[in-house]
């Protein structure tokens, strides 16, 4: 069983983009950008990997990407129908037609599709790229969070998990800060079963 990892950018006030899907307001230092390319280059679009000279770099984190229509469409506007051709690509949309044989369209039941992917035999994770509505639908399937928090207030925009109130506990595994104020947080889902007592507070609280 492999993991579904939600790897996202967040403003200080919790938005993944502006109200019009803007993302160009997220600032990043040279140190932070070098880390992102070096450690999570798998999550970059294929054309960006080529521009950075890592097009042929081996995959180390992800071999599959799942995204919603809003995440897929910016590439389409540039004529790019296979934006992550170095990964297996799945787009969840009930309205888009299949535009590229390298991209699998998931017209319904993204939970079932993700569960099937998680059962595959692979050492690498599945990259959930968003958007927030899709992440909300898949919340119970998310095993890990990698949150890139940027030192900026958006004020308004699209949230990371959609509009539903669904409190879900994750454990904070690691935090790393970079010059310029960028912070990355790693979380893993806290699994409980009928035999285990429910966690009511964080260790040491």
N, C-alpha and C. Protein backbone atom coordinates (compact mmCIF):
# COMPACT_ATOMS: atom_id res chain seq x y z
N UNK A 1 0.85 -1.19 0.00
CA UNK A 1 0.00 0.00 0.00
C UNK A 1 0.89 1.24 0.00
N UNK A 2 0.74 2.08 -0.99
CA UNK A 2 1.57 3.28 -1.01
C UNK A 2 0.75 4.51 -0.61
N UNK A 3 1.44 5.64 -0.46
CA UNK A 3 0.83 6.81 0.13
C UNK A 3 0.34 7.82 -0.91
N UNK A 4 -0.73 8.51 -0.53
CA UNK A 4 -1.18 9.69 -1.26
C UNK A 4 -0.68 10.90 -0.50
N UNK A 5 0.14 11.72 -1.15
CA UNK A 5 0.75 12.89 -0.52
C UNK A 5 0.21 14.16 -1.15
N UNK A 6 -0.35 15.01 -0.32
CA UNK A 6 -0.85 16.31 -0.77
C UNK A 6 0.28 17.31 -0.58
N UNK A 7 0.88 17.72 -1.69
CA UNK A 7 2.05 18.61 -1.71
C UNK A 7 1.57 19.95 -2.24
N UNK A 8 1.49 20.94 -1.35
CA UNK A 8 0.81 22.18 -1.71
C UNK A 8 1.54 23.41 -1.20
N UNK A 9 1.20 24.54 -1.81
CA UNK A 9 1.65 25.85 -1.37
C UNK A 9 0.51 26.53 -0.61
N UNK A 10 0.86 27.19 0.48
CA UNK A 10 -0.15 27.89 1.28
C UNK A 10 0.36 29.26 1.68
N UNK A 11 -0.54 30.24 1.63
CA UNK A 11 -0.23 31.54 2.20
C UNK A 11 -0.34 31.45 3.73
N UNK A 12 0.10 32.48 4.41
CA UNK A 12 -0.01 32.50 5.87
C UNK A 12 -1.45 32.29 6.31
N UNK A 13 -2.39 32.87 5.58
CA UNK A 13 -3.79 32.76 5.96
C UNK A 13 -4.51 31.59 5.29
N UNK A 14 -3.76 30.63 4.75
CA UNK A 14 -4.34 29.36 4.37
C UNK A 14 -4.94 29.23 2.99
N UNK A 15 -4.48 30.03 2.03
CA UNK A 15 -5.01 29.94 0.67
C UNK A 15 -3.97 29.33 -0.27
N UNK A 16 -4.45 28.47 -1.20
CA UNK A 16 -3.55 27.85 -2.16
C UNK A 16 -3.43 28.68 -3.44
N UNK A 17 -4.34 29.64 -3.60
CA UNK A 17 -4.28 30.55 -4.75
C UNK A 17 -5.21 31.71 -4.46
N UNK A 18 -5.15 32.72 -5.32
CA UNK A 18 -6.07 33.83 -5.19
C UNK A 18 -7.45 33.45 -5.71
N UNK A 19 -8.42 34.35 -5.60
CA UNK A 19 -9.79 34.03 -6.04
C UNK A 19 -9.90 33.75 -7.53
N UNK A 20 -8.95 34.23 -8.32
CA UNK A 20 -8.92 33.95 -9.75
C UNK A 20 -7.84 32.94 -10.11
N UNK A 21 -7.47 32.08 -9.14
CA UNK A 21 -6.43 31.06 -9.31
C UNK A 21 -5.03 31.65 -9.43
N UNK A 22 -4.83 32.89 -8.97
CA UNK A 22 -3.51 33.50 -9.02
C UNK A 22 -2.53 32.77 -8.09
N UNK A 23 -1.31 32.55 -8.55
CA UNK A 23 -0.27 31.97 -7.71
C UNK A 23 1.05 32.74 -7.81
N UNK A 24 1.05 33.81 -8.60
CA UNK A 24 2.30 34.54 -8.82
C UNK A 24 2.66 35.46 -7.66
N UNK A 25 1.84 35.48 -6.61
CA UNK A 25 2.15 36.33 -5.45
C UNK A 25 2.94 35.56 -4.39
N UNK A 26 3.23 34.29 -4.60
CA UNK A 26 3.98 33.49 -3.63
C UNK A 26 5.47 33.78 -3.78
N UNK A 27 6.13 34.38 -2.76
CA UNK A 27 7.56 34.68 -2.87
C UNK A 27 8.41 33.50 -2.42
N UNK A 28 9.59 33.35 -3.02
CA UNK A 28 10.50 32.29 -2.62
C UNK A 28 11.95 32.72 -2.76
N UNK A 29 12.75 32.43 -1.73
CA UNK A 29 14.17 32.78 -1.77
C UNK A 29 14.94 31.80 -2.65
N UNK A 30 16.15 32.15 -2.99
CA UNK A 30 16.99 31.26 -3.80
C UNK A 30 17.23 29.94 -3.07
N UNK A 31 17.44 30.03 -1.75
CA UNK A 31 17.68 28.81 -0.96
C UNK A 31 16.46 27.89 -1.01
N UNK A 32 15.30 28.48 -0.86
CA UNK A 32 14.07 27.69 -0.89
C UNK A 32 13.84 27.07 -2.27
N UNK A 33 14.03 27.85 -3.32
CA UNK A 33 13.81 27.34 -4.66
C UNK A 33 14.79 26.20 -4.98
N UNK A 34 16.03 26.32 -4.51
CA UNK A 34 17.01 25.25 -4.74
C UNK A 34 16.58 23.98 -4.02
N UNK A 35 16.04 24.13 -2.82
CA UNK A 35 15.53 22.95 -2.09
C UNK A 35 14.37 22.31 -2.86
N UNK A 36 13.44 23.10 -3.32
CA UNK A 36 12.26 22.57 -4.00
C UNK A 36 12.66 21.80 -5.26
N UNK A 37 13.61 22.34 -6.02
CA UNK A 37 14.06 21.66 -7.23
C UNK A 37 14.84 20.39 -6.88
N UNK A 38 15.67 20.47 -5.86
CA UNK A 38 16.51 19.33 -5.50
C UNK A 38 15.76 18.20 -4.83
N UNK A 39 14.82 18.54 -3.93
CA UNK A 39 14.13 17.50 -3.16
C UNK A 39 12.78 17.10 -3.74
N UNK A 40 12.12 18.01 -4.43
CA UNK A 40 10.80 17.70 -4.97
C UNK A 40 10.69 18.09 -6.44
N UNK A 41 11.76 17.83 -7.17
CA UNK A 41 11.74 18.09 -8.60
C UNK A 41 10.73 17.25 -9.36
N UNK A 42 10.36 16.10 -8.78
CA UNK A 42 9.33 15.26 -9.41
C UNK A 42 8.03 16.02 -9.59
N UNK A 43 7.74 16.95 -8.68
CA UNK A 43 6.45 17.65 -8.67
C UNK A 43 6.43 18.86 -9.61
N UNK A 44 7.52 19.13 -10.28
CA UNK A 44 7.55 20.23 -11.23
C UNK A 44 6.99 19.77 -12.58
N UNK A 45 6.29 20.66 -13.30
CA UNK A 45 5.85 20.29 -14.65
C UNK A 45 7.04 19.91 -15.53
N UNK A 46 6.79 19.08 -16.51
CA UNK A 46 7.86 18.55 -17.35
C UNK A 46 8.64 19.66 -18.05
N UNK A 47 7.95 20.69 -18.53
CA UNK A 47 8.66 21.77 -19.23
C UNK A 47 9.58 22.53 -18.27
N UNK A 48 9.17 22.66 -16.99
CA UNK A 48 10.01 23.34 -16.01
C UNK A 48 11.24 22.49 -15.69
N UNK A 49 11.07 21.17 -15.62
CA UNK A 49 12.22 20.29 -15.39
C UNK A 49 13.24 20.43 -16.53
N UNK A 50 12.73 20.54 -17.76
CA UNK A 50 13.64 20.70 -18.90
C UNK A 50 14.40 22.02 -18.81
N UNK A 51 13.71 23.10 -18.45
CA UNK A 51 14.34 24.41 -18.34
C UNK A 51 15.41 24.43 -17.25
N UNK A 52 15.21 23.62 -16.20
CA UNK A 52 16.13 23.59 -15.08
C UNK A 52 17.24 22.56 -15.26
N UNK A 53 17.20 21.83 -16.35
CA UNK A 53 18.24 20.85 -16.63
C UNK A 53 18.11 19.55 -15.87
N UNK A 54 16.89 19.24 -15.40
CA UNK A 54 16.69 18.00 -14.64
C UNK A 54 15.67 17.09 -15.33
N UNK A 55 15.51 17.27 -16.62
CA UNK A 55 14.50 16.50 -17.35
C UNK A 55 14.71 15.00 -17.21
N UNK A 56 15.97 14.57 -17.15
CA UNK A 56 16.27 13.15 -17.09
C UNK A 56 16.62 12.68 -15.68
N UNK A 57 16.42 13.54 -14.68
CA UNK A 57 16.73 13.15 -13.30
C UNK A 57 15.79 12.03 -12.86
N UNK A 58 16.30 11.04 -12.12
CA UNK A 58 15.44 9.93 -11.68
C UNK A 58 14.36 10.42 -10.71
N UNK A 59 13.22 9.76 -10.73
CA UNK A 59 12.13 10.08 -9.82
C UNK A 59 12.47 9.56 -8.43
N UNK A 60 12.29 10.40 -7.41
CA UNK A 60 12.65 10.01 -6.05
C UNK A 60 11.48 10.10 -5.06
N UNK A 61 10.44 10.85 -5.40
CA UNK A 61 9.31 11.02 -4.48
C UNK A 61 8.01 10.50 -5.06
N UNK A 62 7.71 10.85 -6.31
CA UNK A 62 6.44 10.54 -6.93
C UNK A 62 6.63 9.88 -8.30
N UNK A 63 5.70 9.00 -8.65
CA UNK A 63 5.66 8.50 -10.02
C UNK A 63 4.28 8.66 -10.65
N UNK A 64 3.33 9.22 -9.88
CA UNK A 64 1.95 9.38 -10.33
C UNK A 64 1.42 10.70 -9.80
N UNK A 65 0.62 11.39 -10.60
CA UNK A 65 -0.01 12.64 -10.15
C UNK A 65 -1.51 12.56 -10.35
N UNK A 66 -2.25 13.06 -9.35
CA UNK A 66 -3.70 13.18 -9.43
C UNK A 66 -4.04 14.65 -9.26
N UNK A 67 -4.82 15.19 -10.18
CA UNK A 67 -5.17 16.62 -10.11
C UNK A 67 -6.60 16.83 -10.57
N UNK A 68 -7.15 17.97 -10.18
CA UNK A 68 -8.48 18.35 -10.62
C UNK A 68 -8.44 19.18 -11.89
N UNK A 69 -9.61 19.52 -12.37
CA UNK A 69 -9.71 20.28 -13.61
C UNK A 69 -9.02 21.62 -13.51
N UNK A 70 -9.19 22.35 -12.41
CA UNK A 70 -8.62 23.69 -12.29
C UNK A 70 -7.10 23.65 -12.27
N UNK A 71 -6.53 22.57 -11.77
CA UNK A 71 -5.07 22.42 -11.77
C UNK A 71 -4.56 22.07 -13.16
N UNK A 72 -5.35 21.34 -13.91
CA UNK A 72 -4.96 20.90 -15.25
C UNK A 72 -5.12 22.00 -16.30
N UNK A 73 -6.11 22.86 -16.14
CA UNK A 73 -6.46 23.82 -17.18
C UNK A 73 -5.41 24.87 -17.51
N UNK A 74 -4.61 25.39 -16.55
CA UNK A 74 -3.61 26.39 -16.94
C UNK A 74 -2.66 25.89 -18.03
N UNK A 75 -2.28 24.61 -17.99
CA UNK A 75 -1.45 24.06 -19.04
C UNK A 75 -2.19 24.01 -20.38
N UNK A 76 -3.48 23.66 -20.31
CA UNK A 76 -4.27 23.61 -21.54
C UNK A 76 -4.32 24.96 -22.22
N UNK A 77 -4.39 26.02 -21.43
CA UNK A 77 -4.44 27.37 -22.00
C UNK A 77 -3.16 27.71 -22.77
N UNK A 78 -2.08 26.98 -22.46
CA UNK A 78 -0.81 27.18 -23.17
C UNK A 78 -0.59 26.11 -24.23
N UNK A 79 -1.62 25.29 -24.45
CA UNK A 79 -1.50 24.23 -25.45
C UNK A 79 -0.80 22.98 -24.94
N UNK A 80 -0.63 22.87 -23.62
CA UNK A 80 0.05 21.70 -23.04
C UNK A 80 -1.01 20.72 -22.54
N UNK A 81 -1.12 19.59 -23.20
CA UNK A 81 -2.13 18.60 -22.82
C UNK A 81 -1.58 17.52 -21.90
N UNK A 82 -0.26 17.44 -21.79
CA UNK A 82 0.37 16.45 -20.91
C UNK A 82 1.44 17.17 -20.07
N UNK A 83 1.02 17.91 -19.05
CA UNK A 83 1.94 18.79 -18.32
C UNK A 83 2.96 18.05 -17.45
N UNK A 84 2.65 16.83 -17.06
CA UNK A 84 3.57 16.06 -16.21
C UNK A 84 3.89 14.73 -16.90
N UNK A 85 4.45 14.82 -18.08
CA UNK A 85 4.66 13.62 -18.88
C UNK A 85 5.69 12.67 -18.28
N UNK A 86 6.48 13.13 -17.31
CA UNK A 86 7.42 12.25 -16.62
C UNK A 86 6.73 11.41 -15.55
N UNK A 87 5.44 11.70 -15.28
CA UNK A 87 4.65 10.94 -14.31
C UNK A 87 3.44 10.33 -15.00
N UNK A 88 2.82 9.34 -14.37
CA UNK A 88 1.49 8.90 -14.80
C UNK A 88 0.50 9.95 -14.34
N UNK A 89 -0.38 10.38 -15.23
CA UNK A 89 -1.25 11.52 -14.97
C UNK A 89 -2.72 11.12 -14.93
N UNK A 90 -3.41 11.58 -13.88
CA UNK A 90 -4.84 11.36 -13.73
C UNK A 90 -5.50 12.70 -13.44
N UNK A 91 -6.52 13.04 -14.21
CA UNK A 91 -7.26 14.28 -14.03
C UNK A 91 -8.70 13.94 -13.68
N UNK A 92 -9.15 14.47 -12.54
CA UNK A 92 -10.52 14.23 -12.09
C UNK A 92 -11.41 15.34 -12.63
N UNK A 93 -12.30 15.00 -13.55
CA UNK A 93 -13.20 15.99 -14.15
C UNK A 93 -14.37 15.27 -14.79
N UNK A 94 -15.56 15.80 -14.56
CA UNK A 94 -16.76 15.24 -15.19
C UNK A 94 -17.11 15.98 -16.47
N UNK A 95 -16.33 17.01 -16.82
CA UNK A 95 -16.66 17.83 -17.99
C UNK A 95 -15.60 17.77 -19.09
N UNK A 96 -14.34 17.57 -18.74
CA UNK A 96 -13.29 17.56 -19.74
C UNK A 96 -13.26 16.24 -20.49
N UNK A 97 -13.02 16.31 -21.79
CA UNK A 97 -12.81 15.11 -22.59
C UNK A 97 -11.33 14.73 -22.54
N UNK A 98 -11.05 13.49 -22.89
CA UNK A 98 -9.66 13.04 -22.97
C UNK A 98 -8.98 13.77 -24.11
N UNK A 99 -7.93 14.51 -23.79
CA UNK A 99 -7.24 15.32 -24.79
C UNK A 99 -5.86 14.79 -25.14
N UNK A 100 -5.37 13.84 -24.34
CA UNK A 100 -4.03 13.31 -24.58
C UNK A 100 -4.00 11.87 -24.09
N UNK A 101 -3.45 10.95 -24.88
CA UNK A 101 -3.43 9.55 -24.45
C UNK A 101 -2.60 9.30 -23.20
N UNK A 102 -1.72 10.25 -22.85
CA UNK A 102 -0.89 10.10 -21.67
C UNK A 102 -1.60 10.53 -20.40
N UNK A 103 -2.79 11.08 -20.53
CA UNK A 103 -3.55 11.59 -19.38
C UNK A 103 -4.84 10.79 -19.25
N UNK A 104 -5.05 10.19 -18.10
CA UNK A 104 -6.27 9.42 -17.85
C UNK A 104 -7.30 10.32 -17.17
N UNK A 105 -8.47 10.42 -17.75
CA UNK A 105 -9.54 11.21 -17.17
C UNK A 105 -10.37 10.34 -16.22
N UNK A 106 -10.64 10.87 -15.05
CA UNK A 106 -11.47 10.20 -14.05
C UNK A 106 -12.77 10.98 -13.97
N UNK A 107 -13.81 10.46 -14.57
CA UNK A 107 -15.07 11.20 -14.68
C UNK A 107 -15.90 11.14 -13.42
N UNK A 108 -15.70 10.10 -12.58
CA UNK A 108 -16.48 9.96 -11.36
C UNK A 108 -15.71 9.12 -10.36
N UNK A 109 -16.10 9.22 -9.10
CA UNK A 109 -15.55 8.42 -8.01
C UNK A 109 -14.03 8.49 -7.90
N UNK A 110 -13.49 9.67 -7.60
CA UNK A 110 -12.04 9.78 -7.45
C UNK A 110 -11.50 8.95 -6.29
N UNK A 111 -12.34 8.70 -5.27
CA UNK A 111 -11.88 7.89 -4.14
C UNK A 111 -11.54 6.48 -4.60
N UNK A 112 -12.42 5.87 -5.40
CA UNK A 112 -12.15 4.53 -5.90
C UNK A 112 -10.90 4.52 -6.77
N UNK A 113 -10.72 5.55 -7.60
CA UNK A 113 -9.55 5.62 -8.47
C UNK A 113 -8.27 5.70 -7.65
N UNK A 114 -8.28 6.52 -6.61
CA UNK A 114 -7.08 6.68 -5.78
C UNK A 114 -6.81 5.40 -4.98
N UNK A 115 -7.84 4.77 -4.48
CA UNK A 115 -7.63 3.52 -3.75
C UNK A 115 -6.98 2.46 -4.63
N UNK A 116 -7.38 2.41 -5.89
CA UNK A 116 -6.76 1.47 -6.83
C UNK A 116 -5.29 1.80 -7.04
N UNK A 117 -4.96 3.09 -7.16
CA UNK A 117 -3.57 3.50 -7.32
C UNK A 117 -2.74 3.17 -6.08
N UNK A 118 -3.33 3.33 -4.91
CA UNK A 118 -2.61 3.06 -3.67
C UNK A 118 -2.30 1.58 -3.50
N UNK A 119 -3.10 0.74 -4.12
CA UNK A 119 -2.86 -0.71 -4.01
C UNK A 119 -1.75 -1.19 -4.94
N UNK A 120 -1.29 -0.35 -5.83
CA UNK A 120 -0.23 -0.74 -6.74
C UNK A 120 1.10 -0.95 -6.01
N UNK A 121 1.94 -1.77 -6.59
CA UNK A 121 3.25 -2.06 -6.01
C UNK A 121 4.26 -1.05 -6.55
N UNK A 122 4.55 -0.04 -5.76
CA UNK A 122 5.52 0.98 -6.15
C UNK A 122 6.15 1.57 -4.89
N UNK A 123 7.44 1.86 -4.92
CA UNK A 123 8.09 2.47 -3.75
C UNK A 123 7.84 3.97 -3.65
N UNK A 124 7.24 4.57 -4.69
CA UNK A 124 7.05 6.02 -4.72
C UNK A 124 5.60 6.39 -4.40
N UNK A 125 5.42 7.61 -3.93
CA UNK A 125 4.10 8.10 -3.54
C UNK A 125 3.31 8.60 -4.74
N UNK A 126 2.03 8.83 -4.48
CA UNK A 126 1.13 9.46 -5.44
C UNK A 126 1.04 10.93 -5.06
N UNK A 127 1.26 11.81 -6.01
CA UNK A 127 1.25 13.26 -5.78
C UNK A 127 -0.16 13.80 -6.02
N UNK A 128 -0.80 14.25 -4.96
CA UNK A 128 -2.07 14.96 -5.09
C UNK A 128 -1.75 16.43 -5.25
N UNK A 129 -2.05 16.96 -6.44
CA UNK A 129 -1.68 18.34 -6.75
C UNK A 129 -2.81 19.34 -6.50
N UNK A 130 -3.98 18.87 -6.15
CA UNK A 130 -5.09 19.79 -5.92
C UNK A 130 -6.03 19.77 -7.11
N UNK A 131 -7.00 20.67 -7.06
CA UNK A 131 -7.19 21.73 -6.11
C UNK A 131 -7.91 21.33 -4.83
N UNK A 132 -8.36 22.39 -4.13
CA UNK A 132 -8.89 22.22 -2.81
C UNK A 132 -10.16 21.38 -2.75
N UNK A 133 -11.05 21.53 -3.71
CA UNK A 133 -12.28 20.75 -3.70
C UNK A 133 -11.97 19.27 -3.83
N UNK A 134 -11.05 18.93 -4.74
CA UNK A 134 -10.65 17.54 -4.91
C UNK A 134 -9.97 17.02 -3.65
N UNK A 135 -9.12 17.81 -3.03
CA UNK A 135 -8.46 17.40 -1.80
C UNK A 135 -9.48 17.14 -0.70
N UNK A 136 -10.53 17.95 -0.66
CA UNK A 136 -11.59 17.70 0.31
C UNK A 136 -12.28 16.38 0.06
N UNK A 137 -12.52 16.05 -1.19
CA UNK A 137 -13.16 14.77 -1.53
C UNK A 137 -12.26 13.59 -1.18
N UNK A 138 -10.95 13.79 -1.26
CA UNK A 138 -10.00 12.72 -1.01
C UNK A 138 -9.37 12.77 0.38
N UNK A 139 -9.90 13.59 1.26
CA UNK A 139 -9.27 13.80 2.55
C UNK A 139 -9.02 12.50 3.30
N UNK A 140 -9.97 11.59 3.29
CA UNK A 140 -9.80 10.33 4.03
C UNK A 140 -8.71 9.45 3.43
N UNK A 141 -8.31 9.72 2.20
CA UNK A 141 -7.28 8.92 1.53
C UNK A 141 -5.88 9.55 1.64
N UNK A 142 -5.80 10.77 2.11
CA UNK A 142 -4.50 11.46 2.19
C UNK A 142 -3.70 10.92 3.36
N UNK A 143 -2.49 10.46 3.08
CA UNK A 143 -1.62 9.88 4.11
C UNK A 143 -0.59 10.87 4.62
N UNK A 144 -0.15 11.77 3.74
CA UNK A 144 0.89 12.71 4.11
C UNK A 144 0.57 14.09 3.55
N UNK A 145 1.02 15.09 4.26
CA UNK A 145 0.93 16.48 3.80
C UNK A 145 2.33 17.06 3.75
N UNK A 146 2.66 17.71 2.66
CA UNK A 146 3.88 18.53 2.59
C UNK A 146 3.40 19.93 2.25
N UNK A 147 3.43 20.80 3.25
CA UNK A 147 2.87 22.14 3.11
C UNK A 147 4.00 23.15 3.00
N UNK A 148 4.05 23.82 1.86
CA UNK A 148 5.04 24.88 1.63
C UNK A 148 4.35 26.20 1.99
N UNK A 149 4.69 26.71 3.16
CA UNK A 149 4.02 27.93 3.63
C UNK A 149 4.85 29.16 3.26
N UNK A 150 4.18 30.09 2.58
CA UNK A 150 4.86 31.28 2.08
C UNK A 150 4.56 32.48 2.97
N UNK A 151 5.53 33.38 3.13
CA UNK A 151 5.36 34.52 4.03
C UNK A 151 4.56 35.65 3.39
N UNK A 152 3.30 35.36 3.06
CA UNK A 152 2.45 36.36 2.42
C UNK A 152 1.01 36.13 2.84
N UNK A 153 0.27 37.20 3.03
CA UNK A 153 -1.17 37.15 3.28
C UNK A 153 -1.89 37.32 1.96
N UNK A 154 -2.78 36.40 1.64
CA UNK A 154 -3.55 36.52 0.40
C UNK A 154 -4.81 37.35 0.61
N UNK A 155 -5.45 37.18 1.76
CA UNK A 155 -6.66 37.94 2.05
C UNK A 155 -7.92 37.26 1.57
N UNK A 156 -7.85 36.61 0.42
CA UNK A 156 -8.99 35.87 -0.13
C UNK A 156 -8.44 34.89 -1.16
N UNK A 157 -9.23 33.89 -1.48
CA UNK A 157 -8.77 32.93 -2.47
C UNK A 157 -9.37 31.57 -2.26
N UNK A 158 -8.66 30.57 -2.78
CA UNK A 158 -9.15 29.19 -2.74
C UNK A 158 -8.46 28.45 -1.59
N UNK A 159 -9.25 27.74 -0.82
CA UNK A 159 -8.72 27.05 0.35
C UNK A 159 -8.17 25.68 -0.02
N UNK A 160 -7.43 25.09 0.90
CA UNK A 160 -6.70 23.86 0.61
C UNK A 160 -7.57 22.61 0.58
N UNK A 161 -8.76 22.67 1.21
CA UNK A 161 -9.58 21.47 1.31
C UNK A 161 -11.05 21.70 1.00
N UNK A 162 -11.38 22.78 0.37
CA UNK A 162 -12.78 22.98 0.02
C UNK A 162 -13.60 23.49 1.18
N UNK A 163 -14.93 23.54 1.01
CA UNK A 163 -15.78 24.25 1.96
C UNK A 163 -16.30 23.43 3.13
N UNK A 164 -16.11 22.11 3.13
CA UNK A 164 -16.72 21.29 4.17
C UNK A 164 -15.95 21.37 5.49
N UNK A 165 -16.70 21.28 6.61
CA UNK A 165 -16.09 21.25 7.95
C UNK A 165 -15.82 19.78 8.29
N UNK A 166 -14.55 19.36 8.18
CA UNK A 166 -14.18 17.96 8.40
C UNK A 166 -12.88 17.88 9.21
N UNK A 167 -12.92 18.14 10.51
CA UNK A 167 -11.70 18.09 11.33
C UNK A 167 -11.01 16.73 11.21
N UNK A 168 -9.74 16.76 10.87
CA UNK A 168 -8.96 15.54 10.66
C UNK A 168 -7.57 15.77 11.25
N UNK A 169 -7.14 14.87 12.12
CA UNK A 169 -5.89 15.07 12.85
C UNK A 169 -4.71 14.47 12.10
N UNK A 170 -3.66 15.25 11.96
CA UNK A 170 -2.39 14.80 11.40
C UNK A 170 -1.29 15.09 12.41
N UNK A 171 -0.22 14.30 12.37
CA UNK A 171 0.92 14.51 13.25
C UNK A 171 1.99 15.32 12.51
N UNK A 172 2.53 16.31 13.19
CA UNK A 172 3.62 17.11 12.62
C UNK A 172 4.92 16.34 12.76
N UNK A 173 5.54 16.01 11.63
CA UNK A 173 6.77 15.21 11.63
C UNK A 173 8.03 16.06 11.58
N UNK A 174 7.97 17.16 10.84
CA UNK A 174 9.19 17.95 10.61
C UNK A 174 8.82 19.35 10.16
N UNK A 175 9.65 20.31 10.51
CA UNK A 175 9.50 21.67 10.03
C UNK A 175 10.88 22.17 9.59
N UNK A 176 10.92 22.82 8.45
CA UNK A 176 12.18 23.40 7.99
C UNK A 176 11.92 24.81 7.51
N UNK A 177 12.75 25.73 7.92
CA UNK A 177 12.60 27.13 7.50
C UNK A 177 13.76 27.53 6.60
N UNK A 178 13.49 28.52 5.78
CA UNK A 178 14.46 28.99 4.80
C UNK A 178 14.60 30.51 4.90
N UNK A 179 15.72 31.01 4.41
CA UNK A 179 15.90 32.45 4.39
C UNK A 179 14.78 33.08 3.56
N UNK A 180 14.35 34.24 3.98
CA UNK A 180 13.25 34.90 3.30
C UNK A 180 11.89 34.59 3.90
N UNK A 181 11.83 33.60 4.81
CA UNK A 181 10.57 33.33 5.51
C UNK A 181 9.78 32.14 5.03
N UNK A 182 10.25 31.43 4.01
CA UNK A 182 9.55 30.22 3.58
C UNK A 182 9.71 29.13 4.63
N UNK A 183 8.63 28.39 4.87
CA UNK A 183 8.63 27.30 5.84
C UNK A 183 7.97 26.09 5.19
N UNK A 184 8.55 24.91 5.39
CA UNK A 184 7.94 23.67 4.90
C UNK A 184 7.61 22.80 6.11
N UNK A 185 6.39 22.26 6.10
CA UNK A 185 5.89 21.43 7.20
C UNK A 185 5.51 20.06 6.63
N UNK A 186 5.97 19.01 7.28
CA UNK A 186 5.62 17.64 6.90
C UNK A 186 4.69 17.05 7.96
N UNK A 187 3.58 16.49 7.52
CA UNK A 187 2.61 15.87 8.42
C UNK A 187 2.31 14.45 7.94
N UNK A 188 1.95 13.57 8.86
CA UNK A 188 1.45 12.25 8.51
C UNK A 188 0.14 12.00 9.24
N UNK A 189 -0.74 11.25 8.61
CA UNK A 189 -2.03 10.96 9.21
C UNK A 189 -1.87 10.12 10.47
N UNK A 190 -2.63 10.44 11.49
CA UNK A 190 -2.68 9.63 12.71
C UNK A 190 -3.73 8.56 12.51
N UNK A 191 -3.29 7.31 12.45
CA UNK A 191 -4.20 6.19 12.26
C UNK A 191 -4.63 5.65 13.62
N UNK A 192 -5.91 5.42 13.79
CA UNK A 192 -6.44 4.81 15.01
C UNK A 192 -7.31 3.64 14.62
N UNK A 193 -7.45 2.68 15.54
CA UNK A 193 -8.37 1.56 15.31
C UNK A 193 -9.17 1.34 16.58
N UNK A 194 -10.04 0.38 16.55
CA UNK A 194 -10.95 0.18 17.68
C UNK A 194 -10.22 -0.20 18.95
N UNK A 195 -9.03 -0.79 18.81
CA UNK A 195 -8.29 -1.24 19.99
C UNK A 195 -7.39 -0.16 20.56
N UNK A 196 -7.21 0.91 19.84
CA UNK A 196 -6.29 1.96 20.27
C UNK A 196 -7.07 3.12 20.85
N UNK A 197 -6.61 3.70 21.97
CA UNK A 197 -7.30 4.86 22.53
C UNK A 197 -7.17 6.06 21.63
N UNK A 198 -8.21 6.84 21.56
CA UNK A 198 -8.18 8.04 20.74
C UNK A 198 -7.21 9.05 21.33
N UNK A 199 -6.47 9.75 20.49
CA UNK A 199 -5.53 10.77 20.95
C UNK A 199 -6.30 12.04 21.23
N UNK A 200 -6.20 12.54 22.44
CA UNK A 200 -6.94 13.74 22.83
C UNK A 200 -6.03 14.95 22.90
N UNK A 201 -4.73 14.75 22.93
CA UNK A 201 -3.80 15.88 22.95
C UNK A 201 -2.48 15.44 22.37
N UNK A 202 -1.71 16.41 21.95
CA UNK A 202 -0.41 16.11 21.37
C UNK A 202 0.54 15.63 22.45
N UNK A 203 1.48 14.75 22.15
CA UNK A 203 2.45 14.31 23.13
C UNK A 203 3.16 15.50 23.78
N UNK A 204 3.24 15.48 25.09
CA UNK A 204 3.91 16.56 25.81
C UNK A 204 3.06 17.77 26.05
N UNK A 205 1.79 17.75 25.57
CA UNK A 205 0.93 18.92 25.74
C UNK A 205 0.50 19.06 27.19
